[in-house]
C-alpha atoms as a PDB file:
ATOM      1  CA  MET A   1      89.804 100.666  97.065  1.00  0.00           C
ATOM      2  CA  VAL A   2      88.548 101.800  94.130  1.00  0.00           C
ATOM      3  CA  SER A   3      89.288  98.688  91.873  1.00  0.00           C
ATOM      4  CA  ASP A   4      91.040  98.508  88.496  1.00  0.00           C
ATOM      5  CA  PRO A   5      88.976  99.546  85.145  1.00  0.00           C
ATOM      6  CA  PRO A   6      87.522  96.291  83.584  1.00  0.00           C
ATOM      7  CA  ASN A   7      89.228  94.948  80.237  1.00  0.00           C
ATOM      8  CA  ASN A   8      86.253  96.185  78.096  1.00  0.00           C
ATOM      9  CA  SER A   9      84.863  97.584  74.538  1.00  0.00           C
ATOM     10  CA  ASN A  10      85.292 101.144  76.067  1.00  0.00           C
ATOM     11  CA  LEU A  11      89.250 100.433  75.633  1.00  0.00           C
ATOM     12  CA  LEU A  12      91.311  99.252  71.755  1.00  0.00           C
ATOM     13  CA  PRO A  13      92.366  96.186  71.478  1.00  0.00           C
ATOM     14  CA  LEU A  14      96.186  95.242  72.561  1.00  0.00           C
ATOM     15  CA  ARG A  15      97.238  94.701  69.024  1.00  0.00           C
ATOM     16  CA  HIS A  16     100.388  93.701  69.688  1.00  0.00           C
ATOM     17  CA  GLN A  17      99.962  91.117  73.035  1.00  0.00           C
ATOM     18  CA  GLN A  18     102.988  88.857  71.347  1.00  0.00           C
ATOM     19  CA  HIS A  19     105.642  90.952  70.417  1.00  0.00           C
ATOM     20  CA  ASP A  20     107.993  90.006  67.633  1.00  0.00           C
ATOM     21  CA  LEU A  21     112.011  89.201  69.428  1.00  0.00           C
ATOM     22  CA  PHE A  22     113.778  91.968  68.255  1.00  0.00           C
ATOM     23  CA  VAL A  23     111.287  94.848  69.202  1.00  0.00           C
ATOM     24  CA  CYS A  24     110.801  93.097  72.705  1.00  0.00           C
ATOM     25  CA  ASP A  25     113.153  95.422  74.789  1.00  0.00           C
ATOM     26  CA  VAL A  26     111.369  97.762  73.455  1.00  0.00           C
ATOM     27  CA  ALA A  27     108.000  97.030  73.804  1.00  0.00           C
ATOM     28  CA  ASP A  28     108.638  96.625  77.421  1.00  0.00           C
ATOM     29  CA  ALA A  29     109.785 100.060  78.157  1.00  0.00           C
ATOM     30  CA  ILE A  30     108.335 102.144  80.853  1.00  0.00           C
ATOM     31  CA  LEU A  31     105.810 104.698  79.017  1.00  0.00           C
ATOM     32  CA  LYS A  32     106.852 108.275  80.090  1.00  0.00           C
ATOM     33  CA  ASP A  33     105.550 111.908  79.588  1.00  0.00           C
ATOM     34  CA  ASP A  34     107.424 115.200  80.513  1.00  0.00           C
ATOM     35  CA  MET A  35     105.649 116.887  83.485  1.00  0.00           C
ATOM     36  CA  ALA A  36     105.163 120.243  81.400  1.00  0.00           C
ATOM     37  CA  SER A  37     102.873 118.783  78.454  1.00  0.00           C
ATOM     38  CA  MET A  38     100.882 117.052  80.791  1.00  0.00           C
ATOM     39  CA  GLU A  39      99.883 120.186  82.484  1.00  0.00           C
ATOM     40  CA  HIS A  40      99.615 122.697  79.873  1.00  0.00           C
ATOM     41  CA  PRO A  41      97.368 122.541  76.830  1.00  0.00           C
ATOM     42  CA  PHE A  42      99.645 122.062  73.816  1.00  0.00           C
ATOM     43  CA  PHE A  43      98.312 119.255  71.062  1.00  0.00           C
ATOM     44  CA  SER A  44      94.611 119.349  69.505  1.00  0.00           C
ATOM     45  CA  LEU A  45      91.905 116.724  70.913  1.00  0.00           C
ATOM     46  CA  SER A  46      90.476 117.352  67.352  1.00  0.00           C
ATOM     47  CA  LYS A  47      90.982 114.984  64.858  1.00  0.00           C
ATOM     48  CA  LYS A  48      90.767 117.642  61.970  1.00  0.00           C
ATOM     49  CA  PRO A  49      93.395 120.294  61.022  1.00  0.00           C
ATOM     50  CA  ASP A  50      93.180 123.016  63.552  1.00  0.00           C
ATOM     51  CA  THR A  51      95.326 126.444  62.171  1.00  0.00           C
ATOM     52  CA  ASN A  52      94.303 128.301  65.094  1.00  0.00           C
ATOM     53  CA  ILE A  53      96.332 130.370  67.488  1.00  0.00           C
ATOM     54  CA  ARG A  54      95.862 128.889  71.220  1.00  0.00           C
ATOM     55  CA  ARG A  55      96.885 131.267  73.901  1.00  0.00           C
ATOM     56  CA  TYR A  56      96.534 129.765  77.602  1.00  0.00           C
ATOM     57  CA  GLU A  57      96.415 132.280  80.978  1.00  0.00           C
ATOM     58  CA  ASN A  58      96.974 130.117  84.408  1.00  0.00           C
ATOM     59  CA  GLY A  59      97.885 132.858  87.160  1.00  0.00           C
ATOM     60  CA  ASP A  60     101.407 134.001  86.022  1.00  0.00           C
ATOM     61  CA  ARG A  61     102.132 131.412  83.414  1.00  0.00           C
ATOM     62  CA  TRP A  62     101.076 131.212  80.265  1.00  0.00           C
ATOM     63  CA  VAL A  63     101.267 129.501  76.541  1.00  0.00           C
ATOM     64  CA  GLU A  64     101.157 130.433  73.220  1.00  0.00           C
ATOM     65  CA  VAL A  65     100.461 128.036  70.582  1.00  0.00           C
ATOM     66  CA  VAL A  66     100.856 128.447  66.807  1.00  0.00           C
ATOM     67  CA  PRO A  67     100.179 125.798  64.347  1.00  0.00           C
ATOM     68  CA  SER A  68     101.508 125.508  60.713  1.00  0.00           C
ATOM     69  CA  VAL A  69      99.706 125.042  57.475  1.00  0.00           C
ATOM     70  CA  LYS A  70      99.768 121.522  58.410  1.00  0.00           C
ATOM     71  CA  GLY A  71      97.369 122.310  61.288  1.00  0.00           C
ATOM     72  CA  LEU A  72      97.808 121.976  65.023  1.00  0.00           C
ATOM     73  CA  ALA A  73      99.911 118.723  66.526  1.00  0.00           C
ATOM     74  CA  THR A  74      97.368 116.762  67.936  1.00  0.00           C
ATOM     75  CA  ILE A  75      97.031 114.296  71.118  1.00  0.00           C
ATOM     76  CA  TYR A  76      97.816 111.381  68.902  1.00  0.00           C
ATOM     77  CA  ASP A  77     100.562 113.216  67.134  1.00  0.00           C
ATOM     78  CA  LYS A  78     102.392 113.062  71.124  1.00  0.00           C
ATOM     79  CA  ASP A  79     102.631 109.750  70.888  1.00  0.00           C
ATOM     80  CA  ILE A  80     105.904 109.959  69.047  1.00  0.00           C
ATOM     81  CA  LEU A  81     107.298 112.242  72.482  1.00  0.00           C
ATOM     82  CA  ILE A  82     106.095 109.973  74.479  1.00  0.00           C
ATOM     83  CA  TYR A  83     107.730 107.193  72.421  1.00  0.00           C
ATOM     84  CA  CYS A  84     111.077 109.156  72.446  1.00  0.00           C
ATOM     85  CA  ILE A  85     110.660 110.021  76.386  1.00  0.00           C
ATOM     86  CA  SER A  86     110.122 106.633  77.323  1.00  0.00           C
ATOM     87  CA  GLN A  87     113.126 105.344  75.206  1.00  0.00           C
ATOM     88  CA  LEU A  88     115.771 108.491  76.578  1.00  0.00           C
ATOM     89  CA  MET A  89     114.455 107.456  80.436  1.00  0.00           C
ATOM     90  CA  ALA A  90     115.053 103.654  79.356  1.00  0.00           C
ATOM     91  CA  LYS A  91     118.827 105.079  78.779  1.00  0.00           C
ATOM     92  CA  MET A  92     119.457 107.021  81.377  1.00  0.00           C
ATOM     93  CA  ASN A  93     118.473 104.946  83.972  1.00  0.00           C
ATOM     94  CA  ALA A  94     120.848 101.793  82.635  1.00  0.00           C
ATOM     95  CA  GLY A  95     122.923 104.619  82.970  1.00  0.00           C
ATOM     96  CA  GLU A  96     123.570 106.140  79.455  1.00  0.00           C
ATOM     97  CA  THR A  97     124.126 109.660  78.696  1.00  0.00           C
ATOM     98  CA  PRO A  98     121.040 110.850  77.115  1.00  0.00           C
ATOM     99  CA  SER A  99     121.353 112.911  73.722  1.00  0.00           C
ATOM    100  CA  PRO A 100     118.401 115.098  71.921  1.00  0.00           C
ATOM    101  CA  TYR A 101     118.442 113.015  69.221  1.00  0.00           C
ATOM    102  CA  VAL A 102     116.511 109.548  68.802  1.00  0.00           C
ATOM    103  CA  LYS A 103     116.584 107.252  66.000  1.00  0.00           C
ATOM    104  CA  ILE A 104     113.255 105.263  65.669  1.00  0.00           C
ATOM    105  CA  ILE A 105     112.954 102.195  63.553  1.00  0.00           C
ATOM    106  CA  SER A 106     108.968 102.974  62.517  1.00  0.00           C
ATOM    107  CA  LYS A 107     107.406  99.184  63.174  1.00  0.00           C
ATOM    108  CA  GLU A 108     109.005  99.180  66.875  1.00  0.00           C
ATOM    109  CA  LEU A 109     107.031 102.719  67.040  1.00  0.00           C
ATOM    110  CA  LEU A 110     103.981 101.236  65.864  1.00  0.00           C
ATOM    111  CA  VAL A 111     104.561  98.366  67.848  1.00  0.00           C
ATOM    112  CA  PHE A 112     104.704 100.409  71.650  1.00  0.00           C
ATOM    113  CA  ILE A 113     102.080 103.181  70.548  1.00  0.00           C
ATOM    114  CA  ASN A 114     100.090 100.090  69.995  1.00  0.00           C
ATOM    115  CA  ARG A 115      98.899 100.989  65.988  1.00  0.00           C
ATOM    116  CA  SER A 116      98.529  99.116  63.349  1.00  0.00           C
ATOM    117  CA  VAL A 117     101.206  98.279  60.481  1.00  0.00           C
ATOM    118  CA  GLY A 118      99.834  98.855  57.843  1.00  0.00           C
ATOM    119  CA  GLY A 119     100.658 101.384  54.874  1.00  0.00           C
ATOM    120  CA  LYS A 120      98.204 104.113  55.517  1.00  0.00           C
ATOM    121  CA  ASP A 121      99.840 103.529  59.562  1.00  0.00           C
ATOM    122  CA  TYR A 122     103.226 104.845  58.080  1.00  0.00           C
ATOM    123  CA  ASP A 123     101.854 107.268  56.091  1.00  0.00           C
ATOM    124  CA  ALA A 124     100.357 108.703  59.122  1.00  0.00           C
ATOM    125  CA  LEU A 125     103.747 109.106  60.992  1.00  0.00           C
ATOM    126  CA  VAL A 126     104.853 111.324  58.120  1.00  0.00           C
ATOM    127  CA  GLU A 127     102.024 113.638  58.630  1.00  0.00           C
ATOM    128  CA  ALA A 128     102.317 113.832  62.665  1.00  0.00           C
ATOM    129  CA  LEU A 129     105.850 114.554  62.615  1.00  0.00           C
ATOM    130  CA  GLN A 130     105.061 117.374  60.060  1.00  0.00           C
ATOM    131  CA  ARG A 131     102.834 118.910  62.656  1.00  0.00           C
ATOM    132  CA  LEU A 132     105.017 117.940  65.693  1.00  0.00           C
ATOM    133  CA  ASP A 133     107.895 120.057  63.391  1.00  0.00           C
ATOM    134  CA  GLY A 134     105.639 122.579  62.500  1.00  0.00           C
ATOM    135  CA  THR A 135     103.935 123.533  65.491  1.00  0.00           C
ATOM    136  CA  ARG A 136     105.445 126.592  67.555  1.00  0.00           C
ATOM    137  CA  ILE A 137     105.519 127.126  71.532  1.00  0.00           C
ATOM    138  CA  ARG A 138     105.829 130.501  73.206  1.00  0.00           C
ATOM    139  CA  THR A 139     105.650 130.532  76.721  1.00  0.00           C
ATOM    140  CA  ASN A 140     107.534 131.425  80.211  1.00  0.00           C
ATOM    141  CA  ILE A 141     107.052 128.109  81.932  1.00  0.00           C
ATOM    142  CA  LYS A 142     110.261 126.497  83.510  1.00  0.00           C
ATOM    143  CA  THR A 143     111.731 123.339  82.572  1.00  0.00           C
ATOM    144  CA  GLY A 144     114.780 122.068  83.625  1.00  0.00           C
ATOM    145  CA  GLY A 145     115.062 125.109  85.631  1.00  0.00           C
ATOM    146  CA  GLU A 146     114.684 127.538  83.093  1.00  0.00           C
ATOM    147  CA  GLN A 147     112.542 129.412  82.047  1.00  0.00           C
ATOM    148  CA  GLU A 148     112.046 129.852  77.503  1.00  0.00           C
ATOM    149  CA  PHE A 149     110.668 133.337  76.419  1.00  0.00           C
ATOM    150  CA  GLU A 150     111.652 132.101  72.214  1.00  0.00           C
ATOM    151  CA  GLY A 151     109.417 130.401  70.314  1.00  0.00           C
ATOM    152  CA  PHE A 152     110.574 126.566  69.895  1.00  0.00           C
ATOM    153  CA  GLY A 153     108.965 123.178  68.107  1.00  0.00           C
ATOM    154  CA  LEU A 154     107.705 120.254  70.072  1.00  0.00           C
ATOM    155  CA  ILE A 155     110.655 118.871  67.895  1.00  0.00           C
ATOM    156  CA  GLU A 156     113.647 120.504  66.362  1.00  0.00           C
ATOM    157  CA  SER A 157     113.796 118.329  63.064  1.00  0.00           C
ATOM    158  CA  PHE A 158     113.163 115.030  61.840  1.00  0.00           C
ATOM    159  CA  LYS A 159     114.301 112.688  58.850  1.00  0.00           C
ATOM    160  CA  LEU A 160     112.954 109.844  57.259  1.00  0.00           C
ATOM    161  CA  ARG A 161     114.569 106.678  55.131  1.00  0.00           C
ATOM    162  CA  ARG A 162     112.379 104.826  52.904  1.00  0.00           C
ATOM    163  CA  SER A 163     112.427 101.351  51.103  1.00  0.00           C
ATOM    164  CA  GLU A 164     113.278 101.990  47.328  1.00  0.00           C
ATOM    165  CA  LYS A 165     111.015  99.111  46.664  1.00  0.00           C
ATOM    166  CA  THR A 166     108.045  99.812  48.751  1.00  0.00           C
ATOM    167  CA  GLY A 167     108.497 103.190  49.553  1.00  0.00           C
ATOM    168  CA  ARG A 168     107.503 102.578  53.007  1.00  0.00           C
ATOM    169  CA  ILE A 169     109.316 103.928  56.387  1.00  0.00           C
ATOM    170  CA  LEU A 170     112.150 102.079  57.440  1.00  0.00           C
ATOM    171  CA  GLU A 171     113.692 104.618  60.255  1.00  0.00           C
ATOM    172  CA  ILE A 172     113.653 108.078  61.593  1.00  0.00           C
ATOM    173  CA  ALA A 173     115.720 110.668  63.010  1.00  0.00           C
ATOM    174  CA  VAL A 174     114.272 112.923  65.468  1.00  0.00           C
ATOM    175  CA  LYS A 175     116.139 115.881  67.400  1.00  0.00           C
ATOM    176  CA  LEU A 176     114.185 116.938  70.268  1.00  0.00           C
ATOM    177  CA  SER A 177     113.488 120.648  71.052  1.00  0.00           C
ATOM    178  CA  ASP A 178     116.029 121.991  73.862  1.00  0.00           C
ATOM    179  CA  TRP A 179     112.464 122.854  75.820  1.00  0.00           C
ATOM    180  CA  VAL A 180     111.651 118.899  75.601  1.00  0.00           C
ATOM    181  CA  PHE A 181     115.162 117.830  76.394  1.00  0.00           C
ATOM    182  CA  ARG A 182     115.669 120.066  79.791  1.00  0.00           C
ATOM    183  CA  SER A 183     112.482 117.827  80.880  1.00  0.00           C
ATOM    184  CA  ILE A 184     114.190 114.460  80.239  1.00  0.00           C
ATOM    185  CA  ALA A 185     117.769 115.324  81.705  1.00  0.00           C
ATOM    186  CA  ALA A 186     116.208 116.829  84.709  1.00  0.00           C
ATOM    187  CA  LYS A 187     114.031 113.689  85.197  1.00  0.00           C
ATOM    188  CA  GLU A 188     110.799 115.981  84.903  1.00  0.00           C
ATOM    189  CA  VAL A 189     109.053 113.059  83.758  1.00  0.00           C
ATOM    190  CA  LEU A 190     105.565 110.734  85.326  1.00  0.00           C
ATOM    191  CA  THR A 191     105.117 107.121  84.261  1.00  0.00           C
ATOM    192  CA  LEU A 192     102.189 106.563  82.680  1.00  0.00           C
ATOM    193  CA  HIS A 193      99.747 103.730  82.932  1.00  0.00           C
ATOM    194  CA  LYS A 194     100.465 100.584  79.917  1.00  0.00           C
ATOM    195  CA  ASP A 195      96.770 101.314  78.597  1.00  0.00           C
ATOM    196  CA  TYR A 196      96.862 104.753  77.868  1.00  0.00           C
ATOM    197  CA  PHE A 197      97.572 104.054  74.062  1.00  0.00           C
ATOM    198  CA  ARG A 198      94.133 101.761  74.307  1.00  0.00           C
ATOM    199  CA  LEU A 199      92.268 105.173  75.372  1.00  0.00           C
ATOM    200  CA  LYS A 200      90.223 105.702  71.967  1.00  0.00           C
ATOM    201  CA  LYS A 201      89.048 109.313  72.675  1.00  0.00           C
ATOM    202  CA  PRO A 202      91.605 112.623  72.355  1.00  0.00           C
ATOM    203  CA  ILE A 203      89.871 113.460  75.369  1.00  0.00           C
ATOM    204  CA  GLU A 204      90.285 110.508  77.638  1.00  0.00           C
ATOM    205  CA  ARG A 205      93.785 110.874  77.056  1.00  0.00           C
ATOM    206  CA  ARG A 206      93.806 114.284  78.033  1.00  0.00           C
ATOM    207  CA  VAL A 207      92.000 114.025  81.306  1.00  0.00           C
ATOM    208  CA  TYR A 208      93.882 111.144  82.251  1.00  0.00           C
ATOM    209  CA  GLU A 209      97.437 113.359  81.544  1.00  0.00           C
ATOM    210  CA  ILE A 210      95.746 115.587  83.674  1.00  0.00           C
ATOM    211  CA  ALA A 211      95.135 113.405  86.341  1.00  0.00           C
ATOM    212  CA  ARG A 212      97.879 111.361  86.539  1.00  0.00           C
ATOM    213  CA  LYS A 213     100.154 114.752  86.641  1.00  0.00           C
ATOM    214  CA  HIS A 214      97.723 116.463  89.719  1.00  0.00           C
ATOM    215  CA  CYS A 215      96.025 113.531  91.590  1.00  0.00           C
ATOM    216  CA  GLY A 216      99.039 110.893  91.705  1.00  0.00           C
ATOM    217  CA  LYS A 217      99.279 108.589  94.159  1.00  0.00           C
ATOM    218  CA  GLN A 218      96.873 111.288  96.283  1.00  0.00           C
ATOM    219  CA  ASP A 219      93.741 109.663  97.439  1.00  0.00           C
ATOM    220  CA  SER A 220      91.659 112.375  95.373  1.00  0.00           C
ATOM    221  CA  TRP A 221      91.796 115.039  93.398  1.00  0.00           C
ATOM    222  CA  LYS A 222      89.017 117.268  92.663  1.00  0.00           C
ATOM    223  CA  ILE A 223      88.342 120.238  89.953  1.00  0.00           C
ATOM    224  CA  SER A 224      85.937 122.319  89.084  1.00  0.00           C
ATOM    225  CA  LEU A 225      84.170 121.204  85.387  1.00  0.00           C
ATOM    226  CA  GLU A 226      85.487 124.719  84.114  1.00  0.00           C
ATOM    227  CA  MET A 227      88.836 124.554  85.112  1.00  0.00           C
ATOM    228  CA  LEU A 228      89.082 121.067  84.090  1.00  0.00           C
ATOM    229  CA  LYS A 229      88.144 122.171  80.554  1.00  0.00           C
ATOM    230  CA  LEU A 230      90.618 124.906  80.366  1.00  0.00           C
ATOM    231  CA  LYS A 231      93.480 122.196  81.053  1.00  0.00           C
ATOM    232  CA  CYS A 232      92.088 119.934  78.550  1.00  0.00           C
ATOM    233  CA  GLY A 233      92.560 122.893  76.111  1.00  0.00           C
ATOM    234  CA  SER A 234      88.706 121.406  75.150  1.00  0.00           C
ATOM    235  CA  LEU A 235      87.237 123.736  72.528  1.00  0.00           C
ATOM    236  CA  SER A 236      83.612 122.334  72.822  1.00  0.00           C
ATOM    237  CA  PRO A 237      80.545 124.289  74.707  1.00  0.00           C
ATOM    238  CA  THR A 238      80.834 123.697  78.580  1.00  0.00           C
ATOM    239  CA  LYS A 239      77.363 121.445  77.597  1.00  0.00           C
ATOM    240  CA  GLY A 240      79.457 119.228  75.168  1.00  0.00           C
ATOM    241  CA  PHE A 241      82.640 118.820  77.526  1.00  0.00           C
ATOM    242  CA  ARG A 242      80.058 118.225  80.427  1.00  0.00           C
ATOM    243  CA  HIS A 243      78.352 115.212  78.895  1.00  0.00           C
ATOM    244  CA  ASP A 244      81.955 113.923  77.175  1.00  0.00           C
ATOM    245  CA  ILE A 245      83.121 113.463  81.132  1.00  0.00           C
ATOM    246  CA  LYS A 246      79.955 112.134  82.614  1.00  0.00           C
ATOM    247  CA  GLN A 247      80.692 109.334  79.683  1.00  0.00           C
ATOM    248  CA  LEU A 248      83.668 108.831  80.634  1.00  0.00           C
ATOM    249  CA  ALA A 249      82.529 108.503  84.489  1.00  0.00           C
ATOM    250  CA  LYS A 250      79.907 106.024  83.626  1.00  0.00           C
ATOM    251  CA  GLY A 251      82.169 103.498  81.035  1.00  0.00           C
ATOM    252  CA  ASP A 252      84.591 103.833  84.366  1.00  0.00           C
ATOM    253  CA  HIS A 253      87.464 102.624  82.063  1.00  0.00           C
ATOM    254  CA  LEU A 254      90.225 105.300  82.712  1.00  0.00           C
ATOM    255  CA  PRO A 255      93.392 103.495  83.597  1.00  0.00           C
ATOM    256  CA  ASP A 256      94.535 104.518  87.270  1.00  0.00           C
ATOM    257  CA  TYR A 257      91.646 106.842  88.153  1.00  0.00           C
ATOM    258  CA  CYS A 258      87.803 106.397  88.746  1.00  0.00           C
ATOM    259  CA  VAL A 259      86.440 109.522  87.666  1.00  0.00           C
ATOM    260  CA  ILE A 260      83.915 110.575  89.787  1.00  0.00           C
ATOM    261  CA  PHE A 261      80.935 113.443  88.363  1.00  0.00           C
ATOM    262  CA  ASP A 262      78.355 115.362  90.084  1.00  0.00           C
ATOM    263  CA  GLY A 263      76.597 117.903  88.780  1.00  0.00           C
ATOM    264  CA  ASN A 264      75.141 118.917  91.784  1.00  0.00           C
ATOM    265  CA  ASP A 265      78.027 119.237  93.416  1.00  0.00           C
ATOM    266  CA  ASN A 266      78.451 123.053  91.327  1.00  0.00           C
ATOM    267  CA  ASP A 267      79.997 120.981  88.766  1.00  0.00           C
ATOM    268  CA  PHE A 268      83.136 119.634  89.730  1.00  0.00           C
ATOM    269  CA  VAL A 269      84.867 116.618  89.212  1.00  0.00           C
ATOM    270  CA  THR A 270      86.994 114.271  91.633  1.00  0.00           C
ATOM    271  CA  PHE A 271      89.590 111.609  90.588  1.00  0.00           C
ATOM    272  CA  GLN A 272      89.768 108.636  92.944  1.00  0.00           C
ATOM    273  CA  ASN A 273      93.039 106.629  93.093  1.00  0.00           C
ATOM    274  CA  ARG A 274      92.704 103.104  91.726  1.00  0.00           C
ATOM    275  CA  SER A 275      95.850 102.139  93.852  1.00  0.00           C
ATOM    276  CA  THR A 276      97.868 100.643  90.398  1.00  0.00           C
ATOM    277  CA  LEU A 277     100.323 103.143  90.489  1.00  0.00           C
ATOM    278  CA  LYS A 278     103.300 100.577  92.495  1.00  0.00           C
ATOM    279  CA  ALA A 279     105.399 101.932  95.873  1.00  0.00           C
ATOM    280  CA  LEU A 280     109.057 100.997  95.846  1.00  0.00           C
ATOM    281  CA  PRO A 281     109.774  98.653  98.330  1.00  0.00           C
ATOM    282  CA  SER A 282     111.631  99.692 101.810  1.00  0.00           C
ATOM    283  CA  SER A 283     114.387  98.171 103.991  1.00  0.00           C
ATOM    284  CA  ASP A 284     114.169  97.858 107.688  1.00  0.00           C
ATOM    285  CA  THR A 285     117.146  99.074 108.243  1.00  0.00           C
ATOM    286  CA  ALA A 286     116.903 102.143 106.121  1.00  0.00           C
ATOM    287  CA  PHE A 287     115.326 104.521 105.925  1.00  0.00           C
ATOM    288  CA  PRO A 288     112.139 104.108 103.223  1.00  0.00           C
ATOM    289  CA  LYS A 289     112.772 104.707  99.983  1.00  0.00           C
ATOM    290  CA  LEU A 290     110.913 107.048  97.240  1.00  0.00           C
ATOM    291  CA  ASP A 291     109.905 106.611  94.176  1.00  0.00           C
ATOM    292  CA  ALA A 292     111.151 109.898  92.200  1.00  0.00           C
ATOM    293  CA  GLU A 293     107.532 110.883  91.247  1.00  0.00           C
ATOM    294  CA  THR A 294     106.767 111.144  94.927  1.00  0.00           C
ATOM    295  CA  TYR A 295     108.363 114.269  95.255  1.00  0.00           C
ATOM    296  CA  HIS A 296     106.140 115.508  92.300  1.00  0.00           C
ATOM    297  CA  ASP A 297     102.991 114.426  94.277  1.00  0.00           C
ATOM    298  CA  ALA A 298     104.609 116.113  97.108  1.00  0.00           C
ATOM    299  CA  ARG A 299     105.221 119.664  95.477  1.00  0.00           C
ATOM    300  CA  VAL A 300     101.651 119.440  94.716  1.00  0.00           C
ATOM    301  CA  VAL A 301     100.002 118.939  97.601  1.00  0.00           C
ATOM    302  CA  ALA A 302     102.493 121.068  99.978  1.00  0.00           C
ATOM    303  CA  PRO A 303     103.295 124.038  97.315  1.00  0.00           C
ATOM    304  CA  THR A 304     105.027 126.225  99.441  1.00  0.00           C
ATOM    305  CA  TYR A 305     107.642 123.794 101.217  1.00  0.00           C
ATOM    306  CA  ASP A 306     111.447 122.599  99.929  1.00  0.00           C
ATOM    307  CA  VAL A 307     110.034 118.725  99.823  1.00  0.00           C
ATOM    308  CA  TYR A 308     113.548 117.685 100.542  1.00  0.00           C
ATOM    309  CA  PHE A 309     112.981 119.089 103.854  1.00  0.00           C
ATOM    310  CA  LEU A 310     110.081 117.394 104.474  1.00  0.00           C
ATOM    311  CA  GLU A 311     111.331 114.707 103.301  1.00  0.00           C
ATOM    312  CA  ARG A 312     113.884 114.592 106.140  1.00  0.00           C
ATOM    313  CA  GLU A 313     111.493 115.569 109.178  1.00  0.00           C
ATOM    314  CA  TRP A 314     109.199 112.682 108.426  1.00  0.00           C
ATOM    315  CA  GLN A 315     112.203 110.341 108.367  1.00  0.00           C
ATOM    316  CA  ASN A 316     113.230 111.721 111.485  1.00  0.00           C
ATOM    317  CA  TRP A 317     109.618 111.207 112.800  1.00  0.00           C
ATOM    318  CA  TRP A 318     110.047 107.389 110.801  1.00  0.00           C
ATOM    319  CA  TYR A 319     113.055 107.101 113.202  1.00  0.00           C
ATOM    320  CA  GLU A 320     112.069 108.243 116.626  1.00  0.00           C
ATOM    321  CA  SER A 321     108.456 106.391 116.257  1.00  0.00           C
ATOM    322  CA  GLY A 322     110.519 103.332 116.344  1.00  0.00           C
ATOM    323  CA  LYS A 323     110.773 102.751 112.301  1.00  0.00           C
ATOM    324  CA  PRO A 324     107.465 100.700 112.021  1.00  0.00           C
ATOM    325  CA  ILE A 325     106.798  99.256 108.639  1.00  0.00           C
ATOM    326  CA  LEU A 326     105.800 101.240 105.643  1.00  0.00           C
ATOM    327  CA  HIS A 327     103.506  99.087 103.673  1.00  0.00           C
ATOM    328  CA  ASP A 328     103.316 101.944 100.971  1.00  0.00           C
ATOM    329  CA  PRO A 329     105.949 104.801 102.071  1.00  0.00           C
ATOM    330  CA  ASP A 330     105.402 106.925  99.290  1.00  0.00           C
ATOM    331  CA  LYS A 331     101.540 107.234 100.058  1.00  0.00           C
ATOM    332  CA  ALA A 332     102.792 107.721 103.887  1.00  0.00           C
ATOM    333  CA  PHE A 333     104.999 110.410 102.657  1.00  0.00           C
ATOM    334  CA  ILE A 334     102.334 112.493 100.933  1.00  0.00           C
ATOM    335  CA  SER A 335      99.943 111.900 103.561  1.00  0.00           C
ATOM    336  CA  PHE A 336     102.527 113.703 105.485  1.00  0.00           C
ATOM    337  CA  CYS A 337     103.252 116.684 103.341  1.00  0.00           C
ATOM    338  CA  LYS A 338      99.402 117.235 103.127  1.00  0.00           C
ATOM    339  CA  SER A 339      99.328 117.061 106.656  1.00  0.00           C
ATOM    340  CA  ARG A 340     102.079 119.650 107.001  1.00  0.00           C
ATOM    341  CA  TYR A 341     100.113 122.138 104.701  1.00  0.00           C
ATOM    342  CA  THR A 342      97.147 121.926 105.871  1.00  0.00           C
ATOM    343  CA  ARG A 343      98.475 122.453 109.370  1.00  0.00           C
ATOM    344  CA  LYS A 344     100.947 125.625 108.258  1.00  0.00           C
ATOM    345  CA  PRO A 345     100.058 126.471 104.822  1.00  0.00           C
ATOM    346  CA  ASN A 346     103.456 128.739 104.923  1.00  0.00           C
ATOM    347  CA  PRO A 347     106.832 127.391 105.961  1.00  0.00           C
END
């Protein structure tokens, strides 16, 4: 088993280890991110304003990202979206009906995303909202079973409420785009490790997203350096990108996954699961329960199959074999799907 990364200098410090009582519920919400933006490079990895139009193609799917004069939304700006998605998913799980309108108390947001709460941090939120609002996406990628061919923003609009005395932002009102909201309503989201906001470099956050999306709860996942660079949306030369991945592997601080880079293996990168993703307990008298995210992982390892058909087959096998105790049902089901796809790629 690969161990969890040590709490070392490669990660940002926890700035709010003891949250104020009034923000405890918000700060303790589970981090959630939408699958589509984890899969595709919508966000800039540069800390400098990026006003270049980008287009990415992978098979028959394509994405075109058009920034405003303020520049392309960055991977750090995405923290606001992750906050919104996390809060809406927490409300949905509590039985509430979701809405694309999200009200945000600025301090609660800064605490949640592990930022300081000084004046410049509030100003940075305004700049981030402007970039999110100005960045436009054109794509044929599906969310919630629908394809979007028209341009749309990452957020539809935002409003700010400031203090008359200090000028500091008190509250933010955000309307998510229909495209993002469909992902939430369809629960096309994945859980992120709590240390995501402690990752220092943009490339580290982007690589983690890709590993979480593609490796999931599998033991390991392998990708070429060239394809990883494309998925990251990195504009660095291949030599520079290779150096970044080597440093990430050397630091061994990526949450959930260990990065193994072998430059002699045709520049392939392997992600090994640290086994920190928790599975739901199963019952002795009922079919094993699966985490909702496991179905996504099953689609990754058996892309041509209906995962619910495979689930029924797996349940029948489990029942007929005497209902053996499964210490990790999610991992067992993914292995079943992977084995089925390996033996018979086409149903």
